[in-house]
Amino acid sequence: MNWPNLFIIGAPKCGTTSLAQYLSAHPGIYFSPIKEPHYFTFDMPGLREATDQASYQRLFSGAQSSAIYRGEASVFYLYSQAAVPNILQCSPNARLIVMVRNPIAMVQSLYAQQRLALAEDAPDFATAWRWQEERLDGKHRPPLCAEPGMLQYRQVAQLGAQVERLFATTSPEQRHVIVYDDFASDPARAYAGALRFLGLQPDGRTVFPKVNARSEVRSYWLQWMLYRRRWPASLRWAGRHVGLHKVYELLRSLNMRQADKRVLAHDLLEELRTTFRDDVGRLSSLLGRDLSSWMAN
């Protein structure tokens, strides 16, 4: 069966897109053309790009016989209760890579990403954080959010609990954890560590561009209009003369900007620290590394 045997399983906004791009260029690895098929998240059906076994396995049909690994990178596998058990049932010897990050930075970046994808319509992160409980009851659900579990920022960023669950079901030889701080400061070293974990020789890569940097939309309304193709008359006129695709790409690029780091209100920052402090302590114990500085920054 054409099951993959390499998975980057999370977490979101922790550098997974960059690592997946680096690994996909290695001659010993074939990566799915869809980075995040989320096939194994049976408990989060709205995430699944590939919904049946045949279509999922076709994603890896292009792998050459020389490829030691066939991989994909679905960032909510770590969060999902079902994904890792499902992966191991189909691919018992699969290698699993996890990337973790300061949860306070992670949830803010995830919020910005969800806004970009129109899966989040809260006007700011503070509102999105405040709406979490009500969203469990179906309130404030964005119309284009296919999987409401993605908006439960508190749960998504409980990385200590998720890594603990992973450690309980896998052997040390099967899993590899990368701390985002290390990856951001020295991607070459982190990449070399991933190759050693996979038993692969270095491929000579010396350039490590940052991929999928945190971005945000200037106007949620304009992003919505572009997505729905609801063009005002003036834009339809412009499209007839220069091409709708060109107008679309121009507006989309103008509506994007690099997201600046937001200064959180003191009360909210303290609430986030209180929320995540014990879980960060749990992650520290699991990794044998003091991550308490995350709660001070």
C-alpha atoms as a PDB file:
ATOM      1  CA  MET A   1       0.000   0.000   0.000  1.00  0.00           C
ATOM      2  CA  ASN A   2       1.239   3.452  -0.904  1.00  0.00           C
ATOM      3  CA  TRP A   3       1.093   4.928   2.611  1.00  0.00           C
ATOM      4  CA  PRO A   4       3.531   7.731   3.508  1.00  0.00           C
ATOM      5  CA  ASN A   5       6.166   7.033   6.150  1.00  0.00           C
ATOM      6  CA  LEU A   6       7.167  10.576   7.128  1.00  0.00           C
ATOM      7  CA  PHE A   7       4.887  13.101   8.788  1.00  0.00           C
ATOM      8  CA  ILE A   8       5.412  16.617  10.101  1.00  0.00           C
ATOM      9  CA  ILE A   9       2.469  16.565  12.481  1.00  0.00           C
ATOM     10  CA  GLY A  10       2.493  20.104  13.855  1.00  0.00           C
ATOM     11  CA  ALA A  11       2.135  22.428  15.399  1.00  0.00           C
ATOM     12  CA  PRO A  12       0.671  25.283  13.316  1.00  0.00           C
ATOM     13  CA  LYS A  13       2.753  28.463  12.953  1.00  0.00           C
ATOM     14  CA  CYS A  14       5.880  26.747  14.265  1.00  0.00           C
ATOM     15  CA  GLY A  15       7.979  26.665  11.082  1.00  0.00           C
ATOM     16  CA  THR A  16       6.484  23.543   9.522  1.00  0.00           C
ATOM     17  CA  THR A  17       6.063  25.065   6.055  1.00  0.00           C
ATOM     18  CA  SER A  18       9.728  26.028   5.878  1.00  0.00           C
ATOM     19  CA  LEU A  19      10.914  22.632   7.109  1.00  0.00           C
ATOM     20  CA  ALA A  20       8.618  20.814   4.693  1.00  0.00           C
ATOM     21  CA  GLN A  21      10.018  22.833   1.794  1.00  0.00           C
ATOM     22  CA  TYR A  22      13.609  22.095   2.818  1.00  0.00           C
ATOM     23  CA  LEU A  23      12.952  18.364   3.214  1.00  0.00           C
ATOM     24  CA  SER A  24      10.973  18.120  -0.028  1.00  0.00           C
ATOM     25  CA  ALA A  25      14.095  19.111  -1.986  1.00  0.00           C
ATOM     26  CA  HIS A  26      16.173  16.277  -0.498  1.00  0.00           C
ATOM     27  CA  PRO A  27      16.723  13.436  -3.019  1.00  0.00           C
ATOM     28  CA  GLY A  28      15.722  10.839  -0.445  1.00  0.00           C
ATOM     29  CA  ILE A  29      12.301  12.376   0.242  1.00  0.00           C
ATOM     30  CA  TYR A  30       9.141  12.751  -1.808  1.00  0.00           C
ATOM     31  CA  PHE A  31       6.573  15.174  -0.409  1.00  0.00           C
ATOM     32  CA  SER A  32       2.867  15.280  -1.142  1.00  0.00           C
ATOM     33  CA  PRO A  33       2.011  18.039  -3.666  1.00  0.00           C
ATOM     34  CA  ILE A  34      -0.663  19.064  -1.144  1.00  0.00           C
ATOM     35  CA  LYS A  35       1.281  20.021   1.968  1.00  0.00           C
ATOM     36  CA  GLU A  36      -1.599  19.583   4.424  1.00  0.00           C
ATOM     37  CA  PRO A  37      -4.020  16.866   3.273  1.00  0.00           C
ATOM     38  CA  HIS A  38      -5.066  16.189   6.891  1.00  0.00           C
ATOM     39  CA  TYR A  39      -6.383  12.798   5.815  1.00  0.00           C
ATOM     40  CA  PHE A  40      -6.015  11.237   9.274  1.00  0.00           C
ATOM     41  CA  THR A  41      -7.958  13.891  11.230  1.00  0.00           C
ATOM     42  CA  PHE A  42     -11.138  11.817  11.307  1.00  0.00           C
ATOM     43  CA  ASP A  43     -12.256  13.771  14.376  1.00  0.00           C
ATOM     44  CA  MET A  44     -11.859  17.099  12.535  1.00  0.00           C
ATOM     45  CA  PRO A  45     -13.541  16.388   9.177  1.00  0.00           C
ATOM     46  CA  GLY A  46     -13.553  19.995   8.053  1.00  0.00           C
ATOM     47  CA  LEU A  47      -9.765  19.918   7.732  1.00  0.00           C
ATOM     48  CA  ARG A  48      -9.554  16.912   5.426  1.00  0.00           C
ATOM     49  CA  GLU A  49      -8.420  17.816   1.904  1.00  0.00           C
ATOM     50  CA  ALA A  50      -8.181  14.110   1.021  1.00  0.00           C
ATOM     51  CA  THR A  51     -11.267  12.303   2.287  1.00  0.00           C
ATOM     52  CA  ASP A  52     -10.825   8.780   0.938  1.00  0.00           C
ATOM     53  CA  GLN A  53      -7.946   6.336   0.909  1.00  0.00           C
ATOM     54  CA  ALA A  54      -7.541   6.179  -2.853  1.00  0.00           C
ATOM     55  CA  SER A  55      -7.261   9.944  -3.352  1.00  0.00           C
ATOM     56  CA  TYR A  56      -4.899  10.235  -0.403  1.00  0.00           C
ATOM     57  CA  GLN A  57      -2.566   7.518  -1.606  1.00  0.00           C
ATOM     58  CA  ARG A  58      -2.508   9.036  -5.095  1.00  0.00           C
ATOM     59  CA  LEU A  59      -0.762  12.040  -3.546  1.00  0.00           C
ATOM     60  CA  PHE A  60       2.333   9.841  -3.223  1.00  0.00           C
ATOM     61  CA  SER A  61       2.119   8.050  -6.557  1.00  0.00           C
ATOM     62  CA  GLY A  62       4.783  10.356  -8.033  1.00  0.00           C
ATOM     63  CA  ALA A  63       7.483   9.121  -5.676  1.00  0.00           C
ATOM     64  CA  GLN A  64      10.494   7.566  -7.386  1.00  0.00           C
ATOM     65  CA  SER A  65      11.741   4.187  -6.245  1.00  0.00           C
ATOM     66  CA  SER A  66      14.843   5.949  -4.897  1.00  0.00           C
ATOM     67  CA  ALA A  67      12.773   7.906  -2.368  1.00  0.00           C
ATOM     68  CA  ILE A  68      13.335   6.484   1.096  1.00  0.00           C
ATOM     69  CA  TYR A  69      10.551   8.601   2.541  1.00  0.00           C
ATOM     70  CA  ARG A  70       7.151   9.688   1.288  1.00  0.00           C
ATOM     71  CA  GLY A  71       5.996  12.563   3.445  1.00  0.00           C
ATOM     72  CA  GLU A  72       3.383  15.174   4.187  1.00  0.00           C
ATOM     73  CA  ALA A  73       2.942  17.976   6.735  1.00  0.00           C
ATOM     74  CA  SER A  74      -0.529  18.355   8.237  1.00  0.00           C
ATOM     75  CA  VAL A  75      -0.118  20.724  11.143  1.00  0.00           C
ATOM     76  CA  PHE A  76      -3.208  19.734  13.142  1.00  0.00           C
ATOM     77  CA  TYR A  77      -2.266  16.049  13.444  1.00  0.00           C
ATOM     78  CA  LEU A  78      -0.631  16.706  16.814  1.00  0.00           C
ATOM     79  CA  TYR A  79      -3.751  18.486  18.096  1.00  0.00           C
ATOM     80  CA  SER A  80      -6.150  15.852  16.754  1.00  0.00           C
ATOM     81  CA  GLN A  81      -7.019  13.021  19.129  1.00  0.00           C
ATOM     82  CA  ALA A  82      -7.400  10.594  16.244  1.00  0.00           C
ATOM     83  CA  ALA A  83      -4.631  11.425  13.790  1.00  0.00           C
ATOM     84  CA  VAL A  84      -1.533   9.809  15.315  1.00  0.00           C
ATOM     85  CA  PRO A  85      -3.280   6.499  16.170  1.00  0.00           C
ATOM     86  CA  ASN A  86      -4.677   6.424  12.637  1.00  0.00           C
ATOM     87  CA  ILE A  87      -1.235   7.125  11.155  1.00  0.00           C
ATOM     88  CA  LEU A  88       0.398   4.347  13.172  1.00  0.00           C
ATOM     89  CA  GLN A  89      -2.311   1.875  12.224  1.00  0.00           C
ATOM     90  CA  CYS A  90      -1.590   2.432   8.529  1.00  0.00           C
ATOM     91  CA  SER A  91       2.151   3.119   8.756  1.00  0.00           C
ATOM     92  CA  PRO A  92       3.482   1.554  12.002  1.00  0.00           C
ATOM     93  CA  ASN A  93       7.107   2.516  11.348  1.00  0.00           C
ATOM     94  CA  ALA A  94       6.399   6.095  10.283  1.00  0.00           C
ATOM     95  CA  ARG A  95       8.759   8.844  11.425  1.00  0.00           C
ATOM     96  CA  LEU A  96       7.045  11.804  13.086  1.00  0.00           C
ATOM     97  CA  ILE A  97       8.489  15.313  13.345  1.00  0.00           C
ATOM     98  CA  VAL A  98       7.012  17.864  15.749  1.00  0.00           C
ATOM     99  CA  MET A  99       7.773  21.583  15.911  1.00  0.00           C
ATOM    100  CA  VAL A 100       6.821  23.504  19.063  1.00  0.00           C
ATOM    101  CA  ARG A 101       6.796  27.185  19.939  1.00  0.00           C
ATOM    102  CA  ASN A 102       6.032  29.667  22.680  1.00  0.00           C
ATOM    103  CA  PRO A 103       2.228  29.290  22.832  1.00  0.00           C
ATOM    104  CA  ILE A 104       1.638  33.009  23.380  1.00  0.00           C
ATOM    105  CA  ALA A 105       3.381  33.836  20.107  1.00  0.00           C
ATOM    106  CA  MET A 106       1.827  30.819  18.419  1.00  0.00           C
ATOM    107  CA  VAL A 107      -1.811  31.723  19.110  1.00  0.00           C
ATOM    108  CA  GLN A 108      -1.362  35.288  17.875  1.00  0.00           C
ATOM    109  CA  SER A 109       0.272  34.075  14.673  1.00  0.00           C
ATOM    110  CA  LEU A 110      -2.420  31.446  14.205  1.00  0.00           C
ATOM    111  CA  TYR A 111      -5.111  34.089  14.607  1.00  0.00           C
ATOM    112  CA  ALA A 112      -3.481  36.188  11.873  1.00  0.00           C
ATOM    113  CA  GLN A 113      -3.258  33.131   9.593  1.00  0.00           C
ATOM    114  CA  GLN A 114      -6.918  32.283  10.147  1.00  0.00           C
ATOM    115  CA  ARG A 115      -7.899  35.849   9.305  1.00  0.00           C
ATOM    116  CA  LEU A 116      -5.887  35.606   6.116  1.00  0.00           C
ATOM    117  CA  ALA A 117      -7.728  32.418   5.162  1.00  0.00           C
ATOM    118  CA  LEU A 118     -11.112  33.955   6.085  1.00  0.00           C
ATOM    119  CA  ALA A 119     -11.608  31.226   8.698  1.00  0.00           C
ATOM    120  CA  GLU A 120     -11.580  33.875  11.432  1.00  0.00           C
ATOM    121  CA  ASP A 121     -13.654  37.061  11.492  1.00  0.00           C
ATOM    122  CA  ALA A 122     -12.997  38.368  14.997  1.00  0.00           C
ATOM    123  CA  PRO A 123     -11.646  41.917  14.518  1.00  0.00           C
ATOM    124  CA  ASP A 124      -8.664  41.362  16.829  1.00  0.00           C
ATOM    125  CA  PHE A 125      -6.977  38.592  18.766  1.00  0.00           C
ATOM    126  CA  ALA A 126      -8.406  39.713  22.111  1.00  0.00           C
ATOM    127  CA  THR A 127     -11.933  39.254  20.751  1.00  0.00           C
ATOM    128  CA  ALA A 128     -11.105  35.866  19.245  1.00  0.00           C
ATOM    129  CA  TRP A 129      -9.696  34.732  22.592  1.00  0.00           C
ATOM    130  CA  ARG A 130     -12.774  35.990  24.433  1.00  0.00           C
ATOM    131  CA  TRP A 131     -15.147  34.220  22.026  1.00  0.00           C
ATOM    132  CA  GLN A 132     -13.700  30.733  22.508  1.00  0.00           C
ATOM    133  CA  GLU A 133     -16.275  29.478  25.028  1.00  0.00           C
ATOM    134  CA  GLU A 134     -19.206  30.882  23.059  1.00  0.00           C
ATOM    135  CA  ARG A 135     -17.871  29.302  19.888  1.00  0.00           C
ATOM    136  CA  LEU A 136     -18.077  25.905  21.561  1.00  0.00           C
ATOM    137  CA  ASP A 137     -21.837  26.549  21.628  1.00  0.00           C
ATOM    138  CA  GLY A 138     -21.877  27.479  17.942  1.00  0.00           C
ATOM    139  CA  LYS A 139     -21.899  31.254  18.382  1.00  0.00           C
ATOM    140  CA  HIS A 140     -19.669  33.682  16.460  1.00  0.00           C
ATOM    141  CA  ARG A 141     -18.709  30.961  13.970  1.00  0.00           C
ATOM    142  CA  PRO A 142     -17.266  32.510  10.793  1.00  0.00           C
ATOM    143  CA  PRO A 143     -19.216  31.356   7.716  1.00  0.00           C
ATOM    144  CA  LEU A 144     -16.037  30.209   5.948  1.00  0.00           C
ATOM    145  CA  CYS A 145     -14.563  28.297   8.886  1.00  0.00           C
ATOM    146  CA  ALA A 146     -14.749  24.645   7.851  1.00  0.00           C
ATOM    147  CA  GLU A 147     -13.461  23.293  11.171  1.00  0.00           C
ATOM    148  CA  PRO A 148     -14.418  25.191  14.336  1.00  0.00           C
ATOM    149  CA  GLY A 149     -11.801  23.355  16.391  1.00  0.00           C
ATOM    150  CA  MET A 150      -9.148  25.506  14.720  1.00  0.00           C
ATOM    151  CA  LEU A 151     -10.520  28.546  16.560  1.00  0.00           C
ATOM    152  CA  GLN A 152     -10.053  27.019  20.006  1.00  0.00           C
ATOM    153  CA  TYR A 153      -6.716  28.738  20.477  1.00  0.00           C
ATOM    154  CA  ARG A 154      -6.313  27.668  24.104  1.00  0.00           C
ATOM    155  CA  GLN A 155      -6.604  23.990  23.215  1.00  0.00           C
ATOM    156  CA  VAL A 156      -4.583  24.167  20.006  1.00  0.00           C
ATOM    157  CA  ALA A 157      -1.613  25.642  21.864  1.00  0.00           C
ATOM    158  CA  GLN A 158      -1.578  23.147  24.759  1.00  0.00           C
ATOM    159  CA  LEU A 159       1.556  21.635  23.260  1.00  0.00           C
ATOM    160  CA  GLY A 160       2.778  19.996  26.445  1.00  0.00           C
ATOM    161  CA  ALA A 161      -0.360  17.867  26.727  1.00  0.00           C
ATOM    162  CA  GLN A 162      -0.222  17.009  23.027  1.00  0.00           C
ATOM    163  CA  VAL A 163       3.452  16.027  23.086  1.00  0.00           C
ATOM    164  CA  GLU A 164       2.832  13.972  26.227  1.00  0.00           C
ATOM    165  CA  ARG A 165       0.102  12.062  24.373  1.00  0.00           C
ATOM    166  CA  LEU A 166       2.480  11.516  21.460  1.00  0.00           C
ATOM    167  CA  PHE A 167       5.269  10.252  23.719  1.00  0.00           C
ATOM    168  CA  ALA A 168       2.873   7.742  25.280  1.00  0.00           C
ATOM    169  CA  THR A 169       2.181   6.088  21.930  1.00  0.00           C
ATOM    170  CA  THR A 170       5.525   6.280  20.100  1.00  0.00           C
ATOM    171  CA  SER A 171       9.123   5.261  20.705  1.00  0.00           C
ATOM    172  CA  PRO A 172      11.974   7.798  20.966  1.00  0.00           C
ATOM    173  CA  GLU A 173      13.415   6.463  17.698  1.00  0.00           C
ATOM    174  CA  GLN A 174      10.158   7.271  15.920  1.00  0.00           C
ATOM    175  CA  ARG A 175       9.718  10.916  16.904  1.00  0.00           C
ATOM    176  CA  HIS A 176      11.767  14.097  16.699  1.00  0.00           C
ATOM    177  CA  VAL A 177      10.899  17.423  18.341  1.00  0.00           C
ATOM    178  CA  ILE A 178      12.261  20.757  17.097  1.00  0.00           C
ATOM    179  CA  VAL A 179      11.905  23.899  19.207  1.00  0.00           C
ATOM    180  CA  TYR A 180      11.017  26.862  17.023  1.00  0.00           C
ATOM    181  CA  ASP A 181      13.546  29.118  18.778  1.00  0.00           C
ATOM    182  CA  ASP A 182      16.353  26.815  17.600  1.00  0.00           C
ATOM    183  CA  PHE A 183      14.923  26.553  14.107  1.00  0.00           C
ATOM    184  CA  ALA A 184      14.570  30.325  13.761  1.00  0.00           C
ATOM    185  CA  SER A 185      18.055  31.124  15.081  1.00  0.00           C
ATOM    186  CA  ASP A 186      19.955  28.362  13.243  1.00  0.00           C
ATOM    187  CA  PRO A 187      17.844  26.632  10.569  1.00  0.00           C
ATOM    188  CA  ALA A 188      20.892  24.870   9.107  1.00  0.00           C
ATOM    189  CA  ARG A 189      21.567  23.108  12.382  1.00  0.00           C
ATOM    190  CA  ALA A 190      17.905  22.209  12.893  1.00  0.00           C
ATOM    191  CA  TYR A 191      17.679  20.852   9.344  1.00  0.00           C
ATOM    192  CA  ALA A 192      20.823  18.782   9.851  1.00  0.00           C
ATOM    193  CA  GLY A 193      19.281  17.364  13.019  1.00  0.00           C
ATOM    194  CA  ALA A 194      16.146  16.372  11.127  1.00  0.00           C
ATOM    195  CA  LEU A 195      18.246  14.584   8.497  1.00  0.00           C
ATOM    196  CA  ARG A 196      20.154  12.693  11.191  1.00  0.00           C
ATOM    197  CA  PHE A 197      16.855  11.617  12.730  1.00  0.00           C
ATOM    198  CA  LEU A 198      15.790  10.294   9.332  1.00  0.00           C
ATOM    199  CA  GLY A 199      19.126   8.612   8.696  1.00  0.00           C
ATOM    200  CA  LEU A 200      19.730  10.683   5.573  1.00  0.00           C
ATOM    201  CA  GLN A 201      22.955  12.193   4.327  1.00  0.00           C
ATOM    202  CA  PRO A 202      23.264  15.995   4.044  1.00  0.00           C
ATOM    203  CA  ASP A 203      22.209  17.300   0.645  1.00  0.00           C
ATOM    204  CA  GLY A 204      24.464  20.356   0.607  1.00  0.00           C
ATOM    205  CA  ARG A 205      21.707  22.872   1.298  1.00  0.00           C
ATOM    206  CA  THR A 206      23.153  26.189   2.468  1.00  0.00           C
ATOM    207  CA  VAL A 207      20.227  28.559   1.918  1.00  0.00           C
ATOM    208  CA  PHE A 208      17.256  28.432   4.259  1.00  0.00           C
ATOM    209  CA  PRO A 209      14.657  31.016   3.222  1.00  0.00           C
ATOM    210  CA  LYS A 210      11.806  31.720   5.584  1.00  0.00           C
ATOM    211  CA  VAL A 211       8.542  30.446   4.119  1.00  0.00           C
ATOM    212  CA  ASN A 212       5.005  31.458   5.088  1.00  0.00           C
ATOM    213  CA  ALA A 213       6.071  34.378   7.258  1.00  0.00           C
ATOM    214  CA  ARG A 214       3.304  35.836   9.372  1.00  0.00           C
ATOM    215  CA  SER A 215       1.093  38.035   7.230  1.00  0.00           C
ATOM    216  CA  GLU A 216      -2.211  39.778   7.721  1.00  0.00           C
ATOM    217  CA  VAL A 217      -4.911  41.393   5.631  1.00  0.00           C
ATOM    218  CA  ARG A 218      -5.417  45.132   5.668  1.00  0.00           C
ATOM    219  CA  SER A 219      -9.142  44.766   5.009  1.00  0.00           C
ATOM    220  CA  TYR A 220     -11.203  41.703   5.917  1.00  0.00           C
ATOM    221  CA  TRP A 221     -14.020  43.041   3.714  1.00  0.00           C
ATOM    222  CA  LEU A 222     -11.736  43.243   0.662  1.00  0.00           C
ATOM    223  CA  GLN A 223     -10.394  39.747   1.331  1.00  0.00           C
ATOM    224  CA  TRP A 224     -13.968  38.474   1.498  1.00  0.00           C
ATOM    225  CA  MET A 225     -14.886  40.244  -1.736  1.00  0.00           C
ATOM    226  CA  LEU A 226     -11.882  38.755  -3.527  1.00  0.00           C
ATOM    227  CA  TYR A 227     -12.735  35.285  -2.270  1.00  0.00           C
ATOM    228  CA  ARG A 228     -16.395  35.498  -3.262  1.00  0.00           C
ATOM    229  CA  ARG A 229     -15.624  37.257  -6.567  1.00  0.00           C
ATOM    230  CA  ARG A 230     -18.253  39.868  -5.760  1.00  0.00           C
ATOM    231  CA  TRP A 231     -16.806  42.635  -7.871  1.00  0.00           C
ATOM    232  CA  PRO A 232     -18.130  46.221  -7.790  1.00  0.00           C
ATOM    233  CA  ALA A 233     -19.008  47.662 -11.189  1.00  0.00           C
ATOM    234  CA  SER A 234     -15.803  49.738 -11.310  1.00  0.00           C
ATOM    235  CA  LEU A 235     -13.630  46.652 -10.878  1.00  0.00           C
ATOM    236  CA  ARG A 236     -15.598  44.693 -13.476  1.00  0.00           C
ATOM    237  CA  TRP A 237     -14.949  47.583 -15.864  1.00  0.00           C
ATOM    238  CA  ALA A 238     -11.226  47.501 -15.044  1.00  0.00           C
ATOM    239  CA  GLY A 239     -11.203  43.738 -15.443  1.00  0.00           C
ATOM    240  CA  ARG A 240     -12.621  43.951 -18.952  1.00  0.00           C
ATOM    241  CA  HIS A 241      -9.748  46.210 -19.982  1.00  0.00           C
ATOM    242  CA  VAL A 242      -6.734  44.667 -18.219  1.00  0.00           C
ATOM    243  CA  GLY A 243      -8.009  41.232 -17.204  1.00  0.00           C
ATOM    244  CA  LEU A 244      -9.803  40.152 -14.052  1.00  0.00           C
ATOM    245  CA  HIS A 245      -6.946  37.891 -13.000  1.00  0.00           C
ATOM    246  CA  LYS A 246      -4.485  40.793 -13.024  1.00  0.00           C
ATOM    247  CA  VAL A 247      -6.889  42.978 -11.044  1.00  0.00           C
ATOM    248  CA  TYR A 248      -7.432  40.151  -8.561  1.00  0.00           C
ATOM    249  CA  GLU A 249      -3.712  39.544  -8.026  1.00  0.00           C
ATOM    250  CA  LEU A 250      -3.008  43.264  -7.678  1.00  0.00           C
ATOM    251  CA  LEU A 251      -5.732  43.765  -5.071  1.00  0.00           C
ATOM    252  CA  ARG A 252      -4.742  40.613  -3.214  1.00  0.00           C
ATOM    253  CA  SER A 253      -1.120  41.730  -2.970  1.00  0.00           C
ATOM    254  CA  LEU A 254      -2.085  45.269  -1.924  1.00  0.00           C
ATOM    255  CA  ASN A 255      -4.345  43.843   0.773  1.00  0.00           C
ATOM    256  CA  MET A 256      -1.505  41.802   2.308  1.00  0.00           C
ATOM    257  CA  ARG A 257       1.170  43.033   4.634  1.00  0.00           C
ATOM    258  CA  GLN A 258       3.691  41.533   6.974  1.00  0.00           C
ATOM    259  CA  ALA A 259       2.119  41.274  10.384  1.00  0.00           C
ATOM    260  CA  ASP A 260       3.829  43.342  13.032  1.00  0.00           C
ATOM    261  CA  LYS A 261       4.174  41.936  16.510  1.00  0.00           C
ATOM    262  CA  ARG A 262       1.248  43.279  18.493  1.00  0.00           C
ATOM    263  CA  VAL A 263       1.654  44.517  22.046  1.00  0.00           C
ATOM    264  CA  LEU A 264      -0.990  42.730  24.078  1.00  0.00           C
ATOM    265  CA  ALA A 265      -2.882  44.469  26.827  1.00  0.00           C
ATOM    266  CA  HIS A 266      -1.329  43.669  30.207  1.00  0.00           C
ATOM    267  CA  ASP A 267      -4.413  41.850  31.509  1.00  0.00           C
ATOM    268  CA  LEU A 268      -4.641  39.656  28.426  1.00  0.00           C
ATOM    269  CA  LEU A 269      -0.922  38.869  28.494  1.00  0.00           C
ATOM    270  CA  GLU A 270      -1.176  37.817  32.127  1.00  0.00           C
ATOM    271  CA  GLU A 271      -4.198  35.656  31.305  1.00  0.00           C
ATOM    272  CA  LEU A 272      -2.236  33.911  28.541  1.00  0.00           C
ATOM    273  CA  ARG A 273       0.695  33.330  30.865  1.00  0.00           C
ATOM    274  CA  THR A 274      -1.598  31.860  33.500  1.00  0.00           C
ATOM    275  CA  THR A 275      -3.302  29.690  30.883  1.00  0.00           C
ATOM    276  CA  PHE A 276      -0.136  28.210  29.429  1.00  0.00           C
ATOM    277  CA  ARG A 277       2.379  28.244  32.324  1.00  0.00           C
ATOM    278  CA  ASP A 278       1.678  24.717  33.605  1.00  0.00           C
ATOM    279  CA  ASP A 279       1.548  23.268  30.117  1.00  0.00           C
ATOM    280  CA  VAL A 280       4.889  24.854  29.221  1.00  0.00           C
ATOM    281  CA  GLY A 281       6.282  23.296  32.406  1.00  0.00           C
ATOM    282  CA  ARG A 282       5.005  19.927  31.237  1.00  0.00           C
ATOM    283  CA  LEU A 283       6.652  20.401  27.843  1.00  0.00           C
ATOM    284  CA  SER A 284       9.900  21.413  29.552  1.00  0.00           C
ATOM    285  CA  SER A 285       9.907  18.164  31.525  1.00  0.00           C
ATOM    286  CA  LEU A 286       9.170  16.065  28.454  1.00  0.00           C
ATOM    287  CA  LEU A 287      11.966  17.657  26.433  1.00  0.00           C
ATOM    288  CA  GLY A 288      14.420  17.958  29.321  1.00  0.00           C
ATOM    289  CA  ARG A 289      14.767  21.650  28.607  1.00  0.00           C
ATOM    290  CA  ASP A 290      13.848  24.779  30.548  1.00  0.00           C
ATOM    291  CA  LEU A 291      11.320  26.743  28.498  1.00  0.00           C
ATOM    292  CA  SER A 292      10.160  28.990  31.328  1.00  0.00           C
ATOM    293  CA  SER A 293      11.512  32.067  29.512  1.00  0.00           C
ATOM    294  CA  TRP A 294       8.530  31.740  27.175  1.00  0.00           C
ATOM    295  CA  MET A 295       6.304  32.895  29.993  1.00  0.00           C
ATOM    296  CA  ALA A 296       8.461  35.948  30.707  1.00  0.00           C
ATOM    297  CA  ASN A 297       8.630  37.359  27.172  1.00  0.00           C
END
